[in-house]
PDB file of N, CA and C in Angstrom:
ATOM      1  N   UNK A   1      11.223  29.539  -6.148  1.00  0.00           N
ATOM      2  CA  UNK A   1      11.813  28.189  -6.350  1.00  0.00           C
ATOM      3  C   UNK A   1      10.835  27.119  -6.118  1.00  0.00           C
ATOM      4  N   UNK A   2      10.895  26.062  -6.790  1.00  0.00           N
ATOM      5  CA  UNK A   2       9.894  24.897  -6.704  1.00  0.00           C
ATOM      6  C   UNK A   2      10.824  23.632  -6.608  1.00  0.00           C
ATOM      7  N   UNK A   3      10.444  22.817  -5.625  1.00  0.00           N
ATOM      8  CA  UNK A   3      10.945  21.666  -5.402  1.00  0.00           C
ATOM      9  C   UNK A   3      10.217  20.566  -6.283  1.00  0.00           C
ATOM     10  N   UNK A   4      11.210  19.796  -7.110  1.00  0.00           N
ATOM     11  CA  UNK A   4      10.317  18.713  -7.957  1.00  0.00           C
ATOM     12  C   UNK A   4      11.105  17.648  -7.602  1.00  0.00           C
ATOM     13  N   UNK A   5      10.332  16.522  -7.501  1.00  0.00           N
ATOM     14  CA  UNK A   5      10.769  15.265  -7.145  1.00  0.00           C
ATOM     15  C   UNK A   5      10.853  14.410  -8.513  1.00  0.00           C
ATOM     16  N   UNK A   6      11.726  13.597  -8.623  1.00  0.00           N
ATOM     17  CA  UNK A   6      12.069  12.795  -9.789  1.00  0.00           C
ATOM     18  C   UNK A   6      11.974  11.284  -9.328  1.00  0.00           C
ATOM     19  N   UNK A   7      11.010  10.492  -9.522  1.00  0.00           N
ATOM     20  CA  UNK A   7      11.075   9.115  -9.168  1.00  0.00           C
ATOM     21  C   UNK A   7      11.387   8.218 -10.295  1.00  0.00           C
ATOM     22  N   UNK A   8      12.556   7.638 -10.393  1.00  0.00           N
ATOM     23  CA  UNK A   8      13.089   6.823 -11.422  1.00  0.00           C
ATOM     24  C   UNK A   8      12.221   5.480 -11.351  1.00  0.00           C
ATOM     25  N   UNK A   9      11.527   5.151 -12.267  1.00  0.00           N
ATOM     26  CA  UNK A   9      10.590   3.918 -12.239  1.00  0.00           C
ATOM     27  C   UNK A   9      11.177   3.141 -13.345  1.00  0.00           C
ATOM     28  N   UNK A  10      10.802   1.740 -13.255  1.00  0.00           N
ATOM     29  CA  UNK A  10      11.094   0.815 -14.286  1.00  0.00           C
ATOM     30  C   UNK A  10      10.071  -0.152 -14.222  1.00  0.00           C
ATOM     31  N   UNK A  11       9.925  -0.810 -15.451  1.00  0.00           N
ATOM     32  CA  UNK A  11       8.933  -1.878 -15.619  1.00  0.00           C
ATOM     33  C   UNK A  11       9.735  -3.073 -15.987  1.00  0.00           C
ATOM     34  N   UNK A  12       9.489  -4.261 -15.203  1.00  0.00           N
ATOM     35  CA  UNK A  12      10.232  -5.459 -15.503  1.00  0.00           C
ATOM     36  C   UNK A  12       9.521  -6.080 -16.769  1.00  0.00           C
ATOM     37  N   UNK A  13      10.268  -5.758 -18.013  1.00  0.00           N
ATOM     38  CA  UNK A  13       9.725  -6.213 -19.228  1.00  0.00           C
ATOM     39  C   UNK A  13       9.616  -7.715 -19.348  1.00  0.00           C
ATOM     40  N   UNK A  14      10.554  -8.393 -18.625  1.00  0.00           N
ATOM     41  CA  UNK A  14      10.502  -9.761 -18.625  1.00  0.00           C
ATOM     42  C   UNK A  14       9.101 -10.369 -17.976  1.00  0.00           C
ATOM     43  N   UNK A  15       8.712  -9.657 -17.072  1.00  0.00           N
ATOM     44  CA  UNK A  15       7.375  -9.998 -16.387  1.00  0.00           C
ATOM     45  C   UNK A  15       6.234  -9.956 -17.427  1.00  0.00           C
ATOM     46  N   UNK A  16       6.182  -8.705 -18.255  1.00  0.00           N
ATOM     47  CA  UNK A  16       5.220  -8.615 -19.233  1.00  0.00           C
ATOM     48  C   UNK A  16       5.337  -9.587 -20.510  1.00  0.00           C
ATOM     49  N   UNK A  17       6.675  -9.972 -20.894  1.00  0.00           N
ATOM     50  CA  UNK A  17       6.830 -10.987 -21.730  1.00  0.00           C
ATOM     51  C   UNK A  17       6.407 -12.345 -21.394  1.00  0.00           C
ATOM     52  N   UNK A  18       6.553 -12.547 -20.003  1.00  0.00           N
ATOM     53  CA  UNK A  18       6.100 -13.930 -19.368  1.00  0.00           C
ATOM     54  C   UNK A  18       4.531 -13.896 -19.451  1.00  0.00           C
ATOM     55  N   UNK A  19       3.923 -12.738 -19.148  1.00  0.00           N
ATOM     56  CA  UNK A  19       2.421 -12.753 -19.214  1.00  0.00           C
ATOM     57  C   UNK A  19       1.884 -12.934 -20.604  1.00  0.00           C
ATOM     58  N   UNK A  20       2.663 -12.410 -21.694  1.00  0.00           N
ATOM     59  CA  UNK A  20       2.184 -12.714 -23.064  1.00  0.00           C
ATOM     60  C   UNK A  20       2.478 -14.141 -23.411  1.00  0.00           C
ATOM     61  N   UNK A  21       3.424 -14.787 -22.851  1.00  0.00           N
ATOM     62  CA  UNK A  21       3.738 -16.226 -23.306  1.00  0.00           C
ATOM     63  C   UNK A  21       2.790 -17.084 -22.556  1.00  0.00           C
ATOM     64  N   UNK A  22       2.331 -16.802 -21.442  1.00  0.00           N
ATOM     65  CA  UNK A  22       1.442 -17.676 -20.625  1.00  0.00           C
ATOM     66  C   UNK A  22      -0.024 -17.436 -21.076  1.00  0.00           C
ATOM     67  N   UNK A  23      -0.370 -16.203 -21.302  1.00  0.00           N
ATOM     68  CA  UNK A  23      -1.812 -15.971 -21.707  1.00  0.00           C
ATOM     69  C   UNK A  23      -2.053 -15.848 -23.142  1.00  0.00           C
ATOM     70  N   UNK A  24      -1.090 -15.523 -23.871  1.00  0.00           N
ATOM     71  CA  UNK A  24      -1.323 -15.131 -25.412  1.00  0.00           C
ATOM     72  C   UNK A  24      -1.383 -13.574 -25.466  1.00  0.00           C
ATOM     73  N   UNK A  25      -0.899 -13.207 -26.551  1.00  0.00           N
ATOM     74  CA  UNK A  25      -0.663 -11.684 -26.489  1.00  0.00           C
ATOM     75  C   UNK A  25      -2.001 -10.870 -26.288  1.00  0.00           C
ATOM     76  N   UNK A  26      -3.110 -11.275 -27.045  1.00  0.00           N
ATOM     77  CA  UNK A  26      -4.273 -10.657 -26.816  1.00  0.00           C
ATOM     78  C   UNK A  26      -4.912 -10.645 -25.475  1.00  0.00           C
ATOM     79  N   UNK A  27      -4.868 -11.777 -24.821  1.00  0.00           N
ATOM     80  CA  UNK A  27      -5.374 -11.826 -23.455  1.00  0.00           C
ATOM     81  C   UNK A  27      -4.381 -11.111 -22.611  1.00  0.00           C
ATOM     82  N   UNK A  28      -3.171 -11.143 -22.690  1.00  0.00           N
ATOM     83  CA  UNK A  28      -2.236 -10.395 -21.871  1.00  0.00           C
ATOM     84  C   UNK A  28      -2.368  -8.915 -21.895  1.00  0.00           C
ATOM     85  N   UNK A  29      -2.545  -8.382 -23.111  1.00  0.00           N
ATOM     86  CA  UNK A  29      -2.711  -6.911 -23.305  1.00  0.00           C
ATOM     87  C   UNK A  29      -4.131  -6.546 -22.746  1.00  0.00           C
ATOM     88  N   UNK A  30      -5.290  -7.351 -22.857  1.00  0.00           N
ATOM     89  CA  UNK A  30      -6.493  -7.153 -22.127  1.00  0.00           C
ATOM     90  C   UNK A  30      -6.283  -7.007 -20.485  1.00  0.00           C
ATOM     91  N   UNK A  31      -5.646  -8.009 -20.009  1.00  0.00           N
ATOM     92  CA  UNK A  31      -5.312  -8.106 -18.650  1.00  0.00           C
ATOM     93  C   UNK A  31      -4.539  -7.004 -18.223  1.00  0.00           C
ATOM     94  N   UNK A  32      -3.403  -6.602 -18.920  1.00  0.00           N
ATOM     95  CA  UNK A  32      -2.673  -5.370 -18.551  1.00  0.00           C
ATOM     96  C   UNK A  32      -3.394  -4.084 -18.614  1.00  0.00           C
ATOM     97  N   UNK A  33      -4.150  -3.968 -19.633  1.00  0.00           N
ATOM     98  CA  UNK A  33      -5.118  -2.781 -19.626  1.00  0.00           C
ATOM     99  C   UNK A  33      -6.130  -2.790 -18.649  1.00  0.00           C
ATOM    100  N   UNK A  34      -6.630  -3.871 -18.241  1.00  0.00           N
ATOM    101  CA  UNK A  34      -7.473  -3.717 -17.033  1.00  0.00           C
ATOM    102  C   UNK A  34      -6.776  -3.620 -15.632  1.00  0.00           C
ATOM    103  N   UNK A  35      -5.604  -4.185 -15.621  1.00  0.00           N
ATOM    104  CA  UNK A  35      -4.785  -3.924 -14.392  1.00  0.00           C
ATOM    105  C   UNK A  35      -4.350  -2.489 -14.246  1.00  0.00           C
ATOM    106  N   UNK A  36      -3.915  -1.889 -15.234  1.00  0.00           N
ATOM    107  CA  UNK A  36      -3.716  -0.507 -15.254  1.00  0.00           C
ATOM    108  C   UNK A  36      -4.774   0.324 -14.943  1.00  0.00           C
ATOM    109  N   UNK A  37      -6.010   0.087 -15.492  1.00  0.00           N
ATOM    110  CA  UNK A  37      -7.150   0.855 -15.170  1.00  0.00           C
ATOM    111  C   UNK A  37      -7.399   0.622 -13.633  1.00  0.00           C
ATOM    112  N   UNK A  38      -7.314  -0.686 -12.940  1.00  0.00           N
ATOM    113  CA  UNK A  38      -7.540  -0.839 -11.742  1.00  0.00           C
ATOM    114  C   UNK A  38      -6.658  -0.040 -10.780  1.00  0.00           C
ATOM    115  N   UNK A  39      -5.415   0.134 -11.283  1.00  0.00           N
ATOM    116  CA  UNK A  39      -4.295   0.908 -10.423  1.00  0.00           C
ATOM    117  C   UNK A  39      -4.783   2.353 -10.537  1.00  0.00           C
ATOM    118  N   UNK A  40      -5.312   2.953 -11.629  1.00  0.00           N
ATOM    119  CA  UNK A  40      -5.747   4.340 -11.667  1.00  0.00           C
ATOM    120  C   UNK A  40      -6.877   4.557 -10.736  1.00  0.00           C
ATOM    121  N   UNK A  41      -7.863   3.571 -10.910  1.00  0.00           N
ATOM    122  CA  UNK A  41      -8.981   3.760 -10.050  1.00  0.00           C
ATOM    123  C   UNK A  41      -8.658   3.547  -8.568  1.00  0.00           C
ATOM    124  N   UNK A  42      -7.736   2.711  -8.338  1.00  0.00           N
ATOM    125  CA  UNK A  42      -7.224   2.439  -6.868  1.00  0.00           C
ATOM    126  C   UNK A  42      -6.651   3.609  -6.373  1.00  0.00           C
ATOM    127  N   UNK A  43      -5.896   4.348  -7.095  1.00  0.00           N
ATOM    128  CA  UNK A  43      -5.248   5.455  -6.538  1.00  0.00           C
ATOM    129  C   UNK A  43      -6.333   6.569  -6.167  1.00  0.00           C
ATOM    130  N   UNK A  44      -7.494   6.698  -6.974  1.00  0.00           N
ATOM    131  CA  UNK A  44      -8.534   7.583  -6.470  1.00  0.00           C
ATOM    132  C   UNK A  44      -9.147   7.065  -5.232  1.00  0.00           C
ATOM    133  N   UNK A  45      -9.494   5.873  -5.065  1.00  0.00           N
ATOM    134  CA  UNK A  45      -9.954   5.216  -3.859  1.00  0.00           C
ATOM    135  C   UNK A  45      -9.187   5.426  -2.720  1.00  0.00           C
ATOM    136  N   UNK A  46      -7.803   5.292  -2.963  1.00  0.00           N
ATOM    137  CA  UNK A  46      -6.897   5.405  -1.813  1.00  0.00           C
ATOM    138  C   UNK A  46      -6.909   6.856  -1.411  1.00  0.00           C
ATOM    139  N   UNK A  47      -6.906   7.879  -2.349  1.00  0.00           N
ATOM    140  CA  UNK A  47      -6.994   9.258  -1.942  1.00  0.00           C
ATOM    141  C   UNK A  47      -8.220   9.526  -1.154  1.00  0.00           C
ATOM    142  N   UNK A  48      -9.322   9.079  -1.577  1.00  0.00           N
ATOM    143  CA  UNK A  48     -10.596   9.265  -0.827  1.00  0.00           C
ATOM    144  C   UNK A  48     -10.612   8.644   0.519  1.00  0.00           C
ATOM    145  N   UNK A  49      -9.977   7.433   0.713  1.00  0.00           N
ATOM    146  CA  UNK A  49      -9.932   6.799   2.030  1.00  0.00           C
ATOM    147  C   UNK A  49      -9.038   7.602   2.999  1.00  0.00           C
ATOM    148  N   UNK A  50      -7.806   7.965   2.419  1.00  0.00           N
ATOM    149  CA  UNK A  50      -6.967   8.762   3.191  1.00  0.00           C
ATOM    150  C   UNK A  50      -7.570  10.064   3.605  1.00  0.00           C
ATOM    151  N   UNK A  51      -8.257  10.889   2.808  1.00  0.00           N
ATOM    152  CA  UNK A  51      -8.823  12.083   3.218  1.00  0.00           C
ATOM    153  C   UNK A  51      -9.889  11.855   4.018  1.00  0.00           C
ATOM    154  N   UNK A  52     -10.565  10.719   4.085  1.00  0.00           N
ATOM    155  CA  UNK A  52     -11.674  10.478   5.053  1.00  0.00           C
ATOM    156  C   UNK A  52     -11.198   9.793   6.389  1.00  0.00           C
ATOM    157  N   UNK A  53      -9.740   9.581   6.510  1.00  0.00           N
ATOM    158  CA  UNK A  53      -9.087   8.921   7.576  1.00  0.00           C
ATOM    159  C   UNK A  53      -9.627   7.523   7.861  1.00  0.00           C
ATOM    160  N   UNK A  54      -9.904   6.818   6.785  1.00  0.00           N
ATOM    161  CA  UNK A  54     -10.369   5.453   6.798  1.00  0.00           C
ATOM    162  C   UNK A  54      -9.197   4.536   6.720  1.00  0.00           C
ATOM    163  N   UNK A  55      -8.378   4.454   7.777  1.00  0.00           N
ATOM    164  CA  UNK A  55      -7.133   3.735   7.643  1.00  0.00           C
ATOM    165  C   UNK A  55      -7.316   2.243   7.333  1.00  0.00           C
ATOM    166  N   UNK A  56      -8.294   1.574   7.686  1.00  0.00           N
ATOM    167  CA  UNK A  56      -8.480   0.111   7.226  1.00  0.00           C
ATOM    168  C   UNK A  56      -8.599   0.031   5.774  1.00  0.00           C
ATOM    169  N   UNK A  57      -9.427   1.076   5.088  1.00  0.00           N
ATOM    170  CA  UNK A  57      -9.486   1.046   3.724  1.00  0.00           C
ATOM    171  C   UNK A  57      -8.190   1.450   2.888  1.00  0.00           C
ATOM    172  N   UNK A  58      -7.437   2.297   3.609  1.00  0.00           N
ATOM    173  CA  UNK A  58      -6.211   2.714   3.041  1.00  0.00           C
ATOM    174  C   UNK A  58      -5.291   1.242   3.035  1.00  0.00           C
ATOM    175  N   UNK A  59      -5.193   0.667   4.085  1.00  0.00           N
ATOM    176  CA  UNK A  59      -4.536  -0.627   4.101  1.00  0.00           C
ATOM    177  C   UNK A  59      -4.858  -1.454   3.108  1.00  0.00           C
ATOM    178  N   UNK A  60      -6.186  -1.801   2.932  1.00  0.00           N
ATOM    179  CA  UNK A  60      -6.853  -2.771   1.931  1.00  0.00           C
ATOM    180  C   UNK A  60      -6.500  -2.467   0.578  1.00  0.00           C
ATOM    181  N   UNK A  61      -6.739  -1.076   0.241  1.00  0.00           N
ATOM    182  CA  UNK A  61      -6.629  -0.554  -1.071  1.00  0.00           C
ATOM    183  C   UNK A  61      -5.163  -0.607  -1.465  1.00  0.00           C
ATOM    184  N   UNK A  62      -4.233  -0.149  -0.609  1.00  0.00           N
ATOM    185  CA  UNK A  62      -2.842  -0.078  -1.002  1.00  0.00           C
ATOM    186  C   UNK A  62      -2.133  -1.549  -1.080  1.00  0.00           C
ATOM    187  N   UNK A  63      -2.814  -2.430  -0.313  1.00  0.00           N
ATOM    188  CA  UNK A  63      -2.377  -3.870  -0.389  1.00  0.00           C
ATOM    189  C   UNK A  63      -2.713  -4.551  -1.671  1.00  0.00           C
ATOM    190  N   UNK A  64      -3.876  -4.181  -2.066  1.00  0.00           N
ATOM    191  CA  UNK A  64      -4.506  -4.691  -3.377  1.00  0.00           C
ATOM    192  C   UNK A  64      -3.777  -4.061  -4.492  1.00  0.00           C
ATOM    193  N   UNK A  65      -3.457  -2.728  -4.640  1.00  0.00           N
ATOM    194  CA  UNK A  65      -2.616  -2.283  -5.613  1.00  0.00           C
ATOM    195  C   UNK A  65      -1.276  -2.796  -5.684  1.00  0.00           C
ATOM    196  N   UNK A  66      -0.660  -3.138  -4.455  1.00  0.00           N
ATOM    197  CA  UNK A  66       0.596  -3.638  -4.528  1.00  0.00           C
ATOM    198  C   UNK A  66       0.674  -5.057  -5.237  1.00  0.00           C
ATOM    199  N   UNK A  67      -0.237  -5.805  -5.112  1.00  0.00           N
ATOM    200  CA  UNK A  67      -0.288  -7.249  -5.651  1.00  0.00           C
ATOM    201  C   UNK A  67      -0.443  -6.966  -7.234  1.00  0.00           C
ATOM    202  N   UNK A  68      -1.326  -6.123  -7.623  1.00  0.00           N
ATOM    203  CA  UNK A  68      -1.607  -5.691  -8.986  1.00  0.00           C
ATOM    204  C   UNK A  68      -0.242  -5.230  -9.656  1.00  0.00           C
ATOM    205  N   UNK A  69       0.410  -4.302  -9.026  1.00  0.00           N
ATOM    206  CA  UNK A  69       1.562  -3.809  -9.536  1.00  0.00           C
ATOM    207  C   UNK A  69       2.641  -4.801  -9.559  1.00  0.00           C
ATOM    208  N   UNK A  70       2.798  -5.784  -8.649  1.00  0.00           N
ATOM    209  CA  UNK A  70       3.778  -6.795  -8.609  1.00  0.00           C
ATOM    210  C   UNK A  70       3.412  -7.724  -9.641  1.00  0.00           C
ATOM    211  N   UNK A  71       2.295  -7.965 -10.065  1.00  0.00           N
ATOM    212  CA  UNK A  71       1.925  -8.885 -11.234  1.00  0.00           C
ATOM    213  C   UNK A  71       2.372  -8.274 -12.467  1.00  0.00           C
ATOM    214  N   UNK A  72       2.392  -6.866 -12.661  1.00  0.00           N
ATOM    215  CA  UNK A  72       2.766  -6.187 -13.829  1.00  0.00           C
ATOM    216  C   UNK A  72       4.302  -6.062 -13.931  1.00  0.00           C
ATOM    217  N   UNK A  73       4.990  -6.291 -12.920  1.00  0.00           N
ATOM    218  CA  UNK A  73       6.432  -6.057 -12.887  1.00  0.00           C
ATOM    219  C   UNK A  73       6.723  -4.777 -12.530  1.00  0.00           C
ATOM    220  N   UNK A  74       5.749  -3.959 -11.843  1.00  0.00           N
ATOM    221  CA  UNK A  74       5.976  -2.545 -11.238  1.00  0.00           C
ATOM    222  C   UNK A  74       6.503  -2.724  -9.852  1.00  0.00           C
ATOM    223  N   UNK A  75       7.879  -3.098  -9.617  1.00  0.00           N
ATOM    224  CA  UNK A  75       8.290  -3.487  -8.292  1.00  0.00           C
ATOM    225  C   UNK A  75       8.354  -2.264  -7.398  1.00  0.00           C
ATOM    226  N   UNK A  76       8.770  -1.133  -7.848  1.00  0.00           N
ATOM    227  CA  UNK A  76       8.843   0.078  -6.926  1.00  0.00           C
ATOM    228  C   UNK A  76       7.387   0.479  -6.619  1.00  0.00           C
ATOM    229  N   UNK A  77       6.505   0.493  -7.606  1.00  0.00           N
ATOM    230  CA  UNK A  77       5.216   0.754  -7.182  1.00  0.00           C
ATOM    231  C   UNK A  77       4.682  -0.083  -5.974  1.00  0.00           C
ATOM    232  N   UNK A  78       4.782  -1.256  -6.281  1.00  0.00           N
ATOM    233  CA  UNK A  78       4.426  -2.456  -5.351  1.00  0.00           C
ATOM    234  C   UNK A  78       5.008  -2.167  -3.930  1.00  0.00           C
ATOM    235  N   UNK A  79       6.315  -1.842  -3.957  1.00  0.00           N
ATOM    236  CA  UNK A  79       7.057  -1.547  -2.620  1.00  0.00           C
ATOM    237  C   UNK A  79       6.405  -0.372  -1.998  1.00  0.00           C
ATOM    238  N   UNK A  80       6.130   0.683  -2.614  1.00  0.00           N
ATOM    239  CA  UNK A  80       5.835   1.856  -2.026  1.00  0.00           C
ATOM    240  C   UNK A  80       4.323   1.682  -1.539  1.00  0.00           C
ATOM    241  N   UNK A  81       3.534   0.916  -2.322  1.00  0.00           N
ATOM    242  CA  UNK A  81       2.113   0.720  -1.884  1.00  0.00           C
ATOM    243  C   UNK A  81       2.150  -0.177  -0.494  1.00  0.00           C
ATOM    244  N   UNK A  82       2.984  -0.970  -0.394  1.00  0.00           N
ATOM    245  CA  UNK A  82       3.221  -1.792   0.880  1.00  0.00           C
ATOM    246  C   UNK A  82       3.724  -0.724   1.932  1.00  0.00           C
ATOM    247  N   UNK A  83       4.503   0.094   1.645  1.00  0.00           N
ATOM    248  CA  UNK A  83       4.934   1.160   2.666  1.00  0.00           C
ATOM    249  C   UNK A  83       3.702   1.906   3.108  1.00  0.00           C
ATOM    250  N   UNK A  84       2.804   2.370   2.137  1.00  0.00           N
ATOM    251  CA  UNK A  84       1.618   3.102   2.668  1.00  0.00           C
ATOM    252  C   UNK A  84       0.659   2.171   3.517  1.00  0.00           C
ATOM    253  N   UNK A  85       0.684   1.042   3.284  1.00  0.00           N
ATOM    254  CA  UNK A  85      -0.190   0.141   4.088  1.00  0.00           C
ATOM    255  C   UNK A  85       0.529   0.020   5.520  1.00  0.00           C
ATOM    256  N   UNK A  86       1.755  -0.045   5.507  1.00  0.00           N
ATOM    257  CA  UNK A  86       2.658  -0.196   6.737  1.00  0.00           C
ATOM    258  C   UNK A  86       2.410   1.207   7.621  1.00  0.00           C
ATOM    259  N   UNK A  87       2.364   2.321   6.944  1.00  0.00           N
ATOM    260  CA  UNK A  87       2.396   3.547   7.750  1.00  0.00           C
ATOM    261  C   UNK A  87       0.965   3.721   8.196  1.00  0.00           C
ATOM    262  N   UNK A  88      -0.074   3.380   7.509  1.00  0.00           N
ATOM    263  CA  UNK A  88      -1.407   3.393   8.005  1.00  0.00           C
ATOM    264  C   UNK A  88      -1.559   2.445   9.030  1.00  0.00           C
ATOM    265  N   UNK A  89      -1.064   1.263   9.033  1.00  0.00           N
ATOM    266  CA  UNK A  89      -1.340   0.330  10.042  1.00  0.00           C
ATOM    267  C   UNK A  89      -0.693   0.786  11.327  1.00  0.00           C
ATOM    268  N   UNK A  90       0.374   1.437  11.258  1.00  0.00           N
ATOM    269  CA  UNK A  90       1.055   2.159  12.567  1.00  0.00           C
ATOM    270  C   UNK A  90       0.457   3.437  12.868  1.00  0.00           C
ATOM    271  N   UNK A  91      -0.561   3.885  12.065  1.00  0.00           N
ATOM    272  CA  UNK A  91      -1.166   5.217  12.362  1.00  0.00           C
ATOM    273  C   UNK A  91      -0.096   6.304  12.240  1.00  0.00           C
ATOM    274  N   UNK A  92       0.944   6.195  11.569  1.00  0.00           N
ATOM    275  CA  UNK A  92       1.989   7.217  11.470  1.00  0.00           C
ATOM    276  C   UNK A  92       1.636   8.175  10.352  1.00  0.00           C
ATOM    277  N   UNK A  93       0.801   9.354  10.735  1.00  0.00           N
ATOM    278  CA  UNK A  93       0.410  10.270   9.877  1.00  0.00           C
ATOM    279  C   UNK A  93       1.418  10.885   9.007  1.00  0.00           C
ATOM    280  N   UNK A  94       2.454  11.433   9.442  1.00  0.00           N
ATOM    281  CA  UNK A  94       3.429  12.196   8.502  1.00  0.00           C
ATOM    282  C   UNK A  94       4.064  11.187   7.666  1.00  0.00           C
ATOM    283  N   UNK A  95       4.542  10.068   8.004  1.00  0.00           N
ATOM    284  CA  UNK A  95       4.947   9.009   7.084  1.00  0.00           C
ATOM    285  C   UNK A  95       3.935   8.519   6.080  1.00  0.00           C
ATOM    286  N   UNK A  96       2.747   8.545   6.450  1.00  0.00           N
ATOM    287  CA  UNK A  96       1.813   8.008   5.647  1.00  0.00           C
ATOM    288  C   UNK A  96       1.418   9.053   4.656  1.00  0.00           C
ATOM    289  N   UNK A  97       1.477  10.423   4.913  1.00  0.00           N
ATOM    290  CA  UNK A  97       1.249  11.465   4.033  1.00  0.00           C
ATOM    291  C   UNK A  97       2.415  11.484   2.964  1.00  0.00           C
ATOM    292  N   UNK A  98       3.670  11.323   3.460  1.00  0.00           N
ATOM    293  CA  UNK A  98       4.626  11.426   2.452  1.00  0.00           C
ATOM    294  C   UNK A  98       4.662  10.148   1.506  1.00  0.00           C
ATOM    295  N   UNK A  99       4.593   9.039   2.066  1.00  0.00           N
ATOM    296  CA  UNK A  99       4.296   7.812   1.303  1.00  0.00           C
ATOM    297  C   UNK A  99       3.190   7.762   0.166  1.00  0.00           C
ATOM    298  N   UNK A 100       2.156   8.381   0.484  1.00  0.00           N
ATOM    299  CA  UNK A 100       1.057   8.503  -0.350  1.00  0.00           C
ATOM    300  C   UNK A 100       1.385   9.405  -1.598  1.00  0.00           C
ATOM    301  N   UNK A 101       1.926  10.533  -1.136  1.00  0.00           N
ATOM    302  CA  UNK A 101       2.534  11.464  -2.216  1.00  0.00           C
ATOM    303  C   UNK A 101       3.590  10.732  -2.905  1.00  0.00           C
ATOM    304  N   UNK A 102       4.559  10.052  -2.599  1.00  0.00           N
ATOM    305  CA  UNK A 102       5.458   9.319  -3.410  1.00  0.00           C
ATOM    306  C   UNK A 102       4.770   8.255  -4.204  1.00  0.00           C
ATOM    307  N   UNK A 103       3.827   7.531  -3.645  1.00  0.00           N
ATOM    308  CA  UNK A 103       2.987   6.598  -4.447  1.00  0.00           C
ATOM    309  C   UNK A 103       2.499   7.281  -5.616  1.00  0.00           C
ATOM    310  N   UNK A 104       1.706   8.451  -5.455  1.00  0.00           N
ATOM    311  CA  UNK A 104       1.100   9.118  -6.542  1.00  0.00           C
ATOM    312  C   UNK A 104       2.189   9.586  -7.608  1.00  0.00           C
ATOM    313  N   UNK A 105       3.307   9.985  -7.297  1.00  0.00           N
ATOM    314  CA  UNK A 105       4.295  10.278  -8.325  1.00  0.00           C
ATOM    315  C   UNK A 105       4.734   9.006  -9.057  1.00  0.00           C
ATOM    316  N   UNK A 106       4.972   8.007  -8.259  1.00  0.00           N
ATOM    317  CA  UNK A 106       5.460   6.743  -8.879  1.00  0.00           C
ATOM    318  C   UNK A 106       4.286   6.099  -9.735  1.00  0.00           C
ATOM    319  N   UNK A 107       3.103   6.299  -9.455  1.00  0.00           N
ATOM    320  CA  UNK A 107       2.001   5.684 -10.137  1.00  0.00           C
ATOM    321  C   UNK A 107       1.982   6.300 -11.487  1.00  0.00           C
ATOM    322  N   UNK A 108       2.013   7.612 -11.477  1.00  0.00           N
ATOM    323  CA  UNK A 108       2.065   8.140 -12.947  1.00  0.00           C
ATOM    324  C   UNK A 108       3.121   7.707 -13.677  1.00  0.00           C
ATOM    325  N   UNK A 109       4.289   7.747 -13.359  1.00  0.00           N
ATOM    326  CA  UNK A 109       5.572   7.377 -14.184  1.00  0.00           C
ATOM    327  C   UNK A 109       5.289   5.924 -14.423  1.00  0.00           C
ATOM    328  N   UNK A 110       4.957   4.967 -13.473  1.00  0.00           N
ATOM    329  CA  UNK A 110       4.843   3.583 -13.723  1.00  0.00           C
ATOM    330  C   UNK A 110       3.726   3.278 -14.836  1.00  0.00           C
ATOM    331  N   UNK A 111       2.610   3.906 -14.419  1.00  0.00           N
ATOM    332  CA  UNK A 111       1.427   3.396 -15.541  1.00  0.00           C
ATOM    333  C   UNK A 111       1.774   4.017 -16.980  1.00  0.00           C
ATOM    334  N   UNK A 112       2.331   5.205 -16.996  1.00  0.00           N
ATOM    335  CA  UNK A 112       2.809   5.682 -18.381  1.00  0.00           C
ATOM    336  C   UNK A 112       3.883   4.753 -19.009  1.00  0.00           C
ATOM    337  N   UNK A 113       4.791   4.238 -18.131  1.00  0.00           N
ATOM    338  CA  UNK A 113       5.645   3.356 -18.647  1.00  0.00           C
ATOM    339  C   UNK A 113       5.074   1.943 -19.107  1.00  0.00           C
ATOM    340  N   UNK A 114       4.096   1.517 -18.555  1.00  0.00           N
ATOM    341  CA  UNK A 114       3.478   0.327 -19.036  1.00  0.00           C
ATOM    342  C   UNK A 114       2.780   0.642 -20.402  1.00  0.00           C
ATOM    343  N   UNK A 115       2.099   1.730 -20.262  1.00  0.00           N
ATOM    344  CA  UNK A 115       1.280   2.127 -21.496  1.00  0.00           C
ATOM    345  C   UNK A 115       2.213   2.124 -22.821  1.00  0.00           C
ATOM    346  N   UNK A 116       3.447   2.808 -22.640  1.00  0.00           N
ATOM    347  CA  UNK A 116       4.426   2.940 -23.609  1.00  0.00           C
ATOM    348  C   UNK A 116       4.844   1.524 -24.070  1.00  0.00           C
ATOM    349  N   UNK A 117       5.359   0.794 -23.146  1.00  0.00           N
ATOM    350  CA  UNK A 117       5.849  -0.439 -23.438  1.00  0.00           C
ATOM    351  C   UNK A 117       4.910  -1.296 -24.250  1.00  0.00           C
ATOM    352  N   UNK A 118       3.597  -1.459 -23.720  1.00  0.00           N
ATOM    353  CA  UNK A 118       2.630  -2.177 -24.326  1.00  0.00           C
ATOM    354  C   UNK A 118       1.854  -1.458 -25.550  1.00  0.00           C
ATOM    355  N   UNK A 119       2.071  -0.383 -25.672  1.00  0.00           N
ATOM    356  CA  UNK A 119       1.248   0.598 -26.702  1.00  0.00           C
ATOM    357  C   UNK A 119      -0.141   0.409 -26.464  1.00  0.00           C
ATOM    358  N   UNK A 120      -0.444   0.830 -25.253  1.00  0.00           N
ATOM    359  CA  UNK A 120      -1.970   0.605 -24.863  1.00  0.00           C
ATOM    360  C   UNK A 120      -2.536   2.075 -24.971  1.00  0.00           C
ATOM    361  N   UNK A 121      -3.623   2.162 -25.588  1.00  0.00           N
ATOM    362  CA  UNK A 121      -4.237   3.308 -25.792  1.00  0.00           C
ATOM    363  C   UNK A 121      -5.556   3.507 -24.772  1.00  0.00           C
ATOM    364  N   UNK A 122      -5.560   4.542 -24.232  1.00  0.00           N
ATOM    365  CA  UNK A 122      -6.679   4.831 -23.228  1.00  0.00           C
ATOM    366  C   UNK A 122      -7.924   5.549 -23.858  1.00  0.00           C
TER     367      UNK A 122
END
């Protein structure tokens, strides 16, 4: 038997439309693609900081990713990234481990959703 978690994520499409209106479609798509790339890279940096027990770096990285995710309308991603920072700040190892695992699941689904909505090819 295998336990599988399903994280229902959603993208605030209105936020993406707002970005397109404010920046223009081409600039918004470029910014969104760069932000998505920064989130992917941020997840790797977060993993490395966690494995090295660099809690300050975990806090900084997850806080930065939270801001990027919020800007893209990924509210669940942003909230869980803030949870990761809070757990690291409290040095709560079990909660931090669980929160990072949850963030990884949400990151995959969230980023794929943005790609699909914006038809971004990687």
